[in-house]
Amino acid sequence: MHGVDNVKNAIDKSIEVAKYDFNYINGILKNWRREGYPNLNLKEGGHKSGGKFNRKGNGQNKNEFAGFKPKKPRVLT
């Protein structure tokens, strides 16, 4: 389904972040299938188009919390 090279690359990525878990590797592969598999010929982190799975967002960064203000930390006495 994902290809041997992509599975090996996902395992390498999981080792880089010290997450030795098949669920983590499966999550990487699912994200790559949805967003496009990385092109091994590009620089690290590059992605090639994923065909029908390549989506264009609405321009909003989904990794940011819009309007989020953290609470003040408790003062320990």
PDB file of N, CA and C in Angstrom:
ATOM      1  N   MET A   1       0.822  -1.190   0.000  1.00  0.00           N
ATOM      2  CA  MET A   1       0.000   0.000   0.000  1.00  0.00           C
ATOM      3  C   MET A   1       0.870   1.261   0.000  1.00  0.00           C
ATOM      4  N   HIS A   2       1.855   1.346   0.898  1.00  0.00           N
ATOM      5  CA  HIS A   2       2.672   2.553   1.011  1.00  0.00           C
ATOM      6  C   HIS A   2       3.988   2.436   0.253  1.00  0.00           C
ATOM      7  N   GLY A   3       4.442   1.227   0.021  1.00  0.00           N
ATOM      8  CA  GLY A   3       5.719   1.023  -0.649  1.00  0.00           C
ATOM      9  C   GLY A   3       6.841   0.835   0.362  1.00  0.00           C
ATOM     10  N   VAL A   4       7.795  -0.003  -0.004  1.00  0.00           N
ATOM     11  CA  VAL A   4       8.887  -0.358   0.902  1.00  0.00           C
ATOM     12  C   VAL A   4       9.718   0.865   1.273  1.00  0.00           C
ATOM     13  N   ASP A   5      10.034   1.712   0.290  1.00  0.00           N
ATOM     14  CA  ASP A   5      10.866   2.889   0.566  1.00  0.00           C
ATOM     15  C   ASP A   5      10.180   3.853   1.529  1.00  0.00           C
ATOM     16  N   ASN A   6       8.877   4.035   1.368  1.00  0.00           N
ATOM     17  CA  ASN A   6       8.152   4.937   2.266  1.00  0.00           C
ATOM     18  C   ASN A   6       8.072   4.375   3.677  1.00  0.00           C
ATOM     19  N   VAL A   7       7.914   3.060   3.806  1.00  0.00           N
ATOM     20  CA  VAL A   7       7.875   2.447   5.134  1.00  0.00           C
ATOM     21  C   VAL A   7       9.228   2.592   5.815  1.00  0.00           C
ATOM     22  N   LYS A   8      10.309   2.349   5.065  1.00  0.00           N
ATOM     23  CA  LYS A   8      11.654   2.515   5.633  1.00  0.00           C
ATOM     24  C   LYS A   8      11.883   3.958   6.062  1.00  0.00           C
ATOM     25  N   ASN A   9      11.431   4.894   5.247  1.00  0.00           N
ATOM     26  CA  ASN A   9      11.589   6.310   5.570  1.00  0.00           C
ATOM     27  C   ASN A   9      10.784   6.678   6.819  1.00  0.00           C
ATOM     28  N   ALA A  10       9.588   6.120   6.970  1.00  0.00           N
ATOM     29  CA  ALA A  10       8.769   6.378   8.159  1.00  0.00           C
ATOM     30  C   ALA A  10       9.432   5.801   9.404  1.00  0.00           C
ATOM     31  N   ILE A  11      10.036   4.625   9.279  1.00  0.00           N
ATOM     32  CA  ILE A  11      10.759   4.036  10.412  1.00  0.00           C
ATOM     33  C   ILE A  11      11.934   4.919  10.791  1.00  0.00           C
ATOM     34  N   ASP A  12      12.665   5.429   9.793  1.00  0.00           N
ATOM     35  CA  ASP A  12      13.784   6.334  10.077  1.00  0.00           C
ATOM     36  C   ASP A  12      13.309   7.590  10.796  1.00  0.00           C
ATOM     37  N   LYS A  13      12.168   8.145  10.356  1.00  0.00           N
ATOM     38  CA  LYS A  13      11.627   9.341  11.014  1.00  0.00           C
ATOM     39  C   LYS A  13      11.249   9.046  12.457  1.00  0.00           C
ATOM     40  N   SER A  14      10.683   7.869  12.716  1.00  0.00           N
ATOM     41  CA  SER A  14      10.296   7.529  14.087  1.00  0.00           C
ATOM     42  C   SER A  14      11.524   7.342  14.963  1.00  0.00           C
ATOM     43  N   ILE A  15      12.601   6.820  14.403  1.00  0.00           N
ATOM     44  CA  ILE A  15      13.839   6.654  15.167  1.00  0.00           C
ATOM     45  C   ILE A  15      14.444   8.014  15.494  1.00  0.00           C
ATOM     46  N   GLU A  16      14.339   8.975  14.564  1.00  0.00           N
ATOM     47  CA  GLU A  16      14.876  10.322  14.800  1.00  0.00           C
ATOM     48  C   GLU A  16      14.257  10.972  16.029  1.00  0.00           C
ATOM     49  N   VAL A  17      12.983  10.700  16.284  1.00  0.00           N
ATOM     50  CA  VAL A  17      12.299  11.309  17.426  1.00  0.00           C
ATOM     51  C   VAL A  17      12.144  10.336  18.592  1.00  0.00           C
ATOM     52  N   ALA A  18      12.829   9.184  18.503  1.00  0.00           N
ATOM     53  CA  ALA A  18      12.852   8.177  19.570  1.00  0.00           C
ATOM     54  C   ALA A  18      11.457   7.676  19.935  1.00  0.00           C
ATOM     55  N   LYS A  19      10.623   7.462  18.929  1.00  0.00           N
ATOM     56  CA  LYS A  19       9.283   6.892  19.132  1.00  0.00           C
ATOM     57  C   LYS A  19       9.267   5.531  18.448  1.00  0.00           C
ATOM     58  N   TYR A  20       9.542   4.485  19.216  1.00  0.00           N
ATOM     59  CA  TYR A  20       9.657   3.137  18.671  1.00  0.00           C
ATOM     60  C   TYR A  20       8.322   2.413  18.809  1.00  0.00           C
ATOM     61  N   ASP A  21       7.333   2.877  18.076  1.00  0.00           N
ATOM     62  CA  ASP A  21       5.981   2.363  18.222  1.00  0.00           C
ATOM     63  C   ASP A  21       5.351   2.229  16.835  1.00  0.00           C
ATOM     64  N   PHE A  22       4.742   1.070  16.571  1.00  0.00           N
ATOM     65  CA  PHE A  22       4.117   0.857  15.268  1.00  0.00           C
ATOM     66  C   PHE A  22       2.951   1.805  15.034  1.00  0.00           C
ATOM     67  N   ASN A  23       2.252   2.188  16.080  1.00  0.00           N
ATOM     68  CA  ASN A  23       1.152   3.145  15.909  1.00  0.00           C
ATOM     69  C   ASN A  23       1.674   4.485  15.413  1.00  0.00           C
ATOM     70  N   TYR A  24       2.837   4.904  15.906  1.00  0.00           N
ATOM     71  CA  TYR A  24       3.443   6.161  15.465  1.00  0.00           C
ATOM     72  C   TYR A  24       3.836   6.059  13.985  1.00  0.00           C
ATOM     73  N   ILE A  25       4.440   4.935  13.614  1.00  0.00           N
ATOM     74  CA  ILE A  25       4.847   4.724  12.222  1.00  0.00           C
ATOM     75  C   ILE A  25       3.621   4.690  11.314  1.00  0.00           C
ATOM     76  N   ASN A  26       2.563   4.012  11.742  1.00  0.00           N
ATOM     77  CA  ASN A  26       1.328   3.989  10.950  1.00  0.00           C
ATOM     78  C   ASN A  26       0.744   5.387  10.808  1.00  0.00           C
ATOM     79  N   GLY A  27       0.843   6.198  11.855  1.00  0.00           N
ATOM     80  CA  GLY A  27       0.365   7.575  11.780  1.00  0.00           C
ATOM     81  C   GLY A  27       1.138   8.391  10.767  1.00  0.00           C
ATOM     82  N   ILE A  28       2.459   8.202  10.737  1.00  0.00           N
ATOM     83  CA  ILE A  28       3.289   8.892   9.745  1.00  0.00           C
ATOM     84  C   ILE A  28       2.843   8.501   8.338  1.00  0.00           C
ATOM     85  N   LEU A  29       2.667   7.205   8.126  1.00  0.00           N
ATOM     86  CA  LEU A  29       2.283   6.725   6.794  1.00  0.00           C
ATOM     87  C   LEU A  29       0.895   7.223   6.387  1.00  0.00           C
ATOM     88  N   LYS A  30      -0.041   7.275   7.331  1.00  0.00           N
ATOM     89  CA  LYS A  30      -1.380   7.787   7.022  1.00  0.00           C
ATOM     90  C   LYS A  30      -1.321   9.260   6.645  1.00  0.00           C
ATOM     91  N   ASN A  31      -0.523  10.036   7.387  1.00  0.00           N
ATOM     92  CA  ASN A  31      -0.380  11.459   7.063  1.00  0.00           C
ATOM     93  C   ASN A  31       0.250  11.641   5.692  1.00  0.00           C
ATOM     94  N   TRP A  32       1.274  10.861   5.394  1.00  0.00           N
ATOM     95  CA  TRP A  32       1.933  10.968   4.094  1.00  0.00           C
ATOM     96  C   TRP A  32       0.980  10.585   2.971  1.00  0.00           C
ATOM     97  N   ARG A  33       0.141   9.565   3.186  1.00  0.00           N
ATOM     98  CA  ARG A  33      -0.809   9.167   2.154  1.00  0.00           C
ATOM     99  C   ARG A  33      -1.807  10.296   1.899  1.00  0.00           C
ATOM    100  N   ARG A  34      -2.221  10.969   2.978  1.00  0.00           N
ATOM    101  CA  ARG A  34      -3.198  12.051   2.857  1.00  0.00           C
ATOM    102  C   ARG A  34      -2.567  13.308   2.260  1.00  0.00           C
ATOM    103  N   GLU A  35      -1.338  13.646   2.698  1.00  0.00           N
ATOM    104  CA  GLU A  35      -0.722  14.921   2.318  1.00  0.00           C
ATOM    105  C   GLU A  35       0.280  14.800   1.176  1.00  0.00           C
ATOM    106  N   GLY A  36       0.675  13.605   0.847  1.00  0.00           N
ATOM    107  CA  GLY A  36       1.670  13.388  -0.199  1.00  0.00           C
ATOM    108  C   GLY A  36       2.930  12.784   0.394  1.00  0.00           C
ATOM    109  N   TYR A  37       3.419  11.750  -0.236  1.00  0.00           N
ATOM    110  CA  TYR A  37       4.623  11.083   0.250  1.00  0.00           C
ATOM    111  C   TYR A  37       5.839  11.964   0.008  1.00  0.00           C
ATOM    112  N   PRO A  38       6.831  11.903   0.911  1.00  0.00           N
ATOM    113  CA  PRO A  38       8.037  12.707   0.696  1.00  0.00           C
ATOM    114  C   PRO A  38       8.804  12.187  -0.512  1.00  0.00           C
ATOM    115  N   ASN A  39       9.345  13.099  -1.269  1.00  0.00           N
ATOM    116  CA  ASN A  39      10.161  12.733  -2.419  1.00  0.00           C
ATOM    117  C   ASN A  39      11.579  12.543  -1.919  1.00  0.00           C
ATOM    118  N   LEU A  40      12.115  11.350  -2.061  1.00  0.00           N
ATOM    119  CA  LEU A  40      13.442  11.057  -1.543  1.00  0.00           C
ATOM    120  C   LEU A  40      14.525  11.793  -2.316  1.00  0.00           C
ATOM    121  N   ASN A  41      14.209  12.320  -3.498  1.00  0.00           N
ATOM    122  CA  ASN A  41      15.185  13.064  -4.282  1.00  0.00           C
ATOM    123  C   ASN A  41      15.273  14.522  -3.854  1.00  0.00           C
ATOM    124  N   LEU A  42      14.255  15.020  -3.138  1.00  0.00           N
ATOM    125  CA  LEU A  42      14.280  16.398  -2.656  1.00  0.00           C
ATOM    126  C   LEU A  42      15.073  16.473  -1.366  1.00  0.00           C
ATOM    127  N   LYS A  43      15.345  17.681  -0.925  1.00  0.00           N
ATOM    128  CA  LYS A  43      15.995  17.852   0.369  1.00  0.00           C
ATOM    129  C   LYS A  43      15.104  17.279   1.450  1.00  0.00           C
ATOM    130  N   GLU A  44      15.683  17.013   2.611  1.00  0.00           N
ATOM    131  CA  GLU A  44      14.925  16.399   3.700  1.00  0.00           C
ATOM    132  C   GLU A  44      13.714  17.254   4.041  1.00  0.00           C
ATOM    133  N   GLY A  45      12.573  16.610   4.176  1.00  0.00           N
ATOM    134  CA  GLY A  45      11.336  17.299   4.505  1.00  0.00           C
ATOM    135  C   GLY A  45      10.510  17.671   3.292  1.00  0.00           C
ATOM    136  N   GLY A  46      11.056  17.466   2.073  1.00  0.00           N
ATOM    137  CA  GLY A  46      10.307  17.812   0.876  1.00  0.00           C
ATOM    138  C   GLY A  46       9.242  16.785   0.575  1.00  0.00           C
ATOM    139  N   HIS A  47       8.177  17.219  -0.051  1.00  0.00           N
ATOM    140  CA  HIS A  47       7.089  16.313  -0.405  1.00  0.00           C
ATOM    141  C   HIS A  47       6.780  16.458  -1.882  1.00  0.00           C
ATOM    142  N   LYS A  48       6.491  15.339  -2.503  1.00  0.00           N
ATOM    143  CA  LYS A  48       5.988  15.396  -3.869  1.00  0.00           C
ATOM    144  C   LYS A  48       4.474  15.408  -3.811  1.00  0.00           C
ATOM    145  N   SER A  49       3.860  15.714  -4.901  1.00  0.00           N
ATOM    146  CA  SER A  49       2.402  15.771  -4.880  1.00  0.00           C
ATOM    147  C   SER A  49       1.842  14.377  -4.667  1.00  0.00           C
ATOM    148  N   GLY A  50       0.761  14.309  -3.938  1.00  0.00           N
ATOM    149  CA  GLY A  50       0.180  13.026  -3.594  1.00  0.00           C
ATOM    150  C   GLY A  50      -1.002  12.652  -4.460  1.00  0.00           C
ATOM    151  N   GLY A  51      -1.110  13.196  -5.642  1.00  0.00           N
ATOM    152  CA  GLY A  51      -2.226  12.853  -6.513  1.00  0.00           C
ATOM    153  C   GLY A  51      -3.534  13.309  -5.912  1.00  0.00           C
ATOM    154  N   LYS A  52      -4.494  12.395  -5.813  1.00  0.00           N
ATOM    155  CA  LYS A  52      -5.805  12.781  -5.299  1.00  0.00           C
ATOM    156  C   LYS A  52      -5.771  13.104  -3.815  1.00  0.00           C
ATOM    157  N   PHE A  53      -4.700  12.701  -3.125  1.00  0.00           N
ATOM    158  CA  PHE A  53      -4.613  12.955  -1.699  1.00  0.00           C
ATOM    159  C   PHE A  53      -3.999  14.316  -1.394  1.00  0.00           C
ATOM    160  N   ASN A  54      -3.449  14.975  -2.396  1.00  0.00           N
ATOM    161  CA  ASN A  54      -2.823  16.270  -2.177  1.00  0.00           C
ATOM    162  C   ASN A  54      -3.914  17.329  -2.085  1.00  0.00           C
ATOM    163  N   ARG A  55      -4.075  17.906  -0.903  1.00  0.00           N
ATOM    164  CA  ARG A  55      -5.114  18.913  -0.690  1.00  0.00           C
ATOM    165  C   ARG A  55      -4.489  20.285  -0.529  1.00  0.00           C
ATOM    166  N   LYS A  56      -5.241  21.270  -0.906  1.00  0.00           N
ATOM    167  CA  LYS A  56      -4.825  22.639  -0.647  1.00  0.00           C
ATOM    168  C   LYS A  56      -5.717  23.171   0.455  1.00  0.00           C
ATOM    169  N   GLY A  57      -5.100  23.736   1.468  1.00  0.00           N
ATOM    170  CA  GLY A  57      -5.861  24.256   2.591  1.00  0.00           C
ATOM    171  C   GLY A  57      -6.420  25.628   2.298  1.00  0.00           C
ATOM    172  N   ASN A  58      -7.021  26.218   3.294  1.00  0.00           N
ATOM    173  CA  ASN A  58      -7.591  27.546   3.138  1.00  0.00           C
ATOM    174  C   ASN A  58      -6.576  28.629   3.484  1.00  0.00           C
ATOM    175  N   GLY A  59      -5.297  28.268   3.560  1.00  0.00           N
ATOM    176  CA  GLY A  59      -4.258  29.237   3.842  1.00  0.00           C
ATOM    177  C   GLY A  59      -4.019  29.457   5.317  1.00  0.00           C
ATOM    178  N   GLN A  60      -4.819  28.865   6.155  1.00  0.00           N
ATOM    179  CA  GLN A  60      -4.684  29.042   7.593  1.00  0.00           C
ATOM    180  C   GLN A  60      -3.792  27.942   8.138  1.00  0.00           C
ATOM    181  N   ASN A  61      -2.855  28.312   9.002  1.00  0.00           N
ATOM    182  CA  ASN A  61      -1.984  27.329   9.620  1.00  0.00           C
ATOM    183  C   ASN A  61      -2.765  26.610  10.706  1.00  0.00           C
ATOM    184  N   LYS A  62      -2.971  25.331  10.544  1.00  0.00           N
ATOM    185  CA  LYS A  62      -3.775  24.568  11.489  1.00  0.00           C
ATOM    186  C   LYS A  62      -2.986  24.182  12.734  1.00  0.00           C
ATOM    187  N   ASN A  63      -1.692  24.466  12.752  1.00  0.00           N
ATOM    188  CA  ASN A  63      -0.874  24.143  13.911  1.00  0.00           C
ATOM    189  C   ASN A  63      -0.870  25.265  14.945  1.00  0.00           C
ATOM    190  N   GLU A  64      -1.513  26.358  14.654  1.00  0.00           N
ATOM    191  CA  GLU A  64      -1.557  27.477  15.583  1.00  0.00           C
ATOM    192  C   GLU A  64      -2.911  27.517  16.277  1.00  0.00           C
ATOM    193  N   PHE A  65      -2.900  27.954  17.526  1.00  0.00           N
ATOM    194  CA  PHE A  65      -4.134  28.109  18.274  1.00  0.00           C
ATOM    195  C   PHE A  65      -4.597  29.548  18.096  1.00  0.00           C
ATOM    196  N   ALA A  66      -5.649  29.747  17.343  1.00  0.00           N
ATOM    197  CA  ALA A  66      -6.147  31.084  17.085  1.00  0.00           C
ATOM    198  C   ALA A  66      -6.784  31.650  18.349  1.00  0.00           C
ATOM    199  N   GLY A  67      -6.289  32.774  18.815  1.00  0.00           N
ATOM    200  CA  GLY A  67      -6.857  33.444  19.975  1.00  0.00           C
ATOM    201  C   GLY A  67      -6.545  32.772  21.299  1.00  0.00           C
ATOM    202  N   PHE A  68      -5.591  31.858  21.328  1.00  0.00           N
ATOM    203  CA  PHE A  68      -5.272  31.142  22.561  1.00  0.00           C
ATOM    204  C   PHE A  68      -4.345  31.987  23.418  1.00  0.00           C
ATOM    205  N   LYS A  69      -4.720  32.165  24.683  1.00  0.00           N
ATOM    206  CA  LYS A  69      -3.864  32.862  25.640  1.00  0.00           C
ATOM    207  C   LYS A  69      -3.630  31.914  26.807  1.00  0.00           C
ATOM    208  N   PRO A  70      -2.383  31.568  27.076  1.00  0.00           N
ATOM    209  CA  PRO A  70      -2.118  30.628  28.166  1.00  0.00           C
ATOM    210  C   PRO A  70      -2.393  31.263  29.522  1.00  0.00           C
ATOM    211  N   LYS A  71      -2.738  30.412  30.478  1.00  0.00           N
ATOM    212  CA  LYS A  71      -2.961  30.886  31.836  1.00  0.00           C
ATOM    213  C   LYS A  71      -1.634  31.292  32.451  1.00  0.00           C
ATOM    214  N   LYS A  72      -1.712  32.182  33.433  1.00  0.00           N
ATOM    215  CA  LYS A  72      -0.505  32.556  34.154  1.00  0.00           C
ATOM    216  C   LYS A  72      -0.089  31.378  35.028  1.00  0.00           C
ATOM    217  N   PRO A  73       1.205  31.120  35.130  1.00  0.00           N
ATOM    218  CA  PRO A  73       1.645  29.994  35.950  1.00  0.00           C
ATOM    219  C   PRO A  73       1.408  30.263  37.433  1.00  0.00           C
ATOM    220  N   ARG A  74       1.172  29.183  38.166  1.00  0.00           N
ATOM    221  CA  ARG A  74       0.985  29.301  39.608  1.00  0.00           C
ATOM    222  C   ARG A  74       2.305  29.676  40.260  1.00  0.00           C
ATOM    223  N   VAL A  75       2.213  30.481  41.288  1.00  0.00           N
ATOM    224  CA  VAL A  75       3.399  30.852  42.044  1.00  0.00           C
ATOM    225  C   VAL A  75       3.495  29.904  43.231  1.00  0.00           C
ATOM    226  N   LEU A  76       4.587  29.163  43.287  1.00  0.00           N
ATOM    227  CA  LEU A  76       4.777  28.229  44.386  1.00  0.00           C
ATOM    228  C   LEU A  76       5.345  28.968  45.590  1.00  0.00           C
ATOM    229  N   THR A  77       4.784  28.678  46.762  1.00  0.00           N
ATOM    230  CA  THR A  77       5.269  29.355  47.972  1.00  0.00           C
ATOM    231  C   THR A  77       5.968  28.398  48.880  1.00  0.00           C
TER     232      THR A  77
END
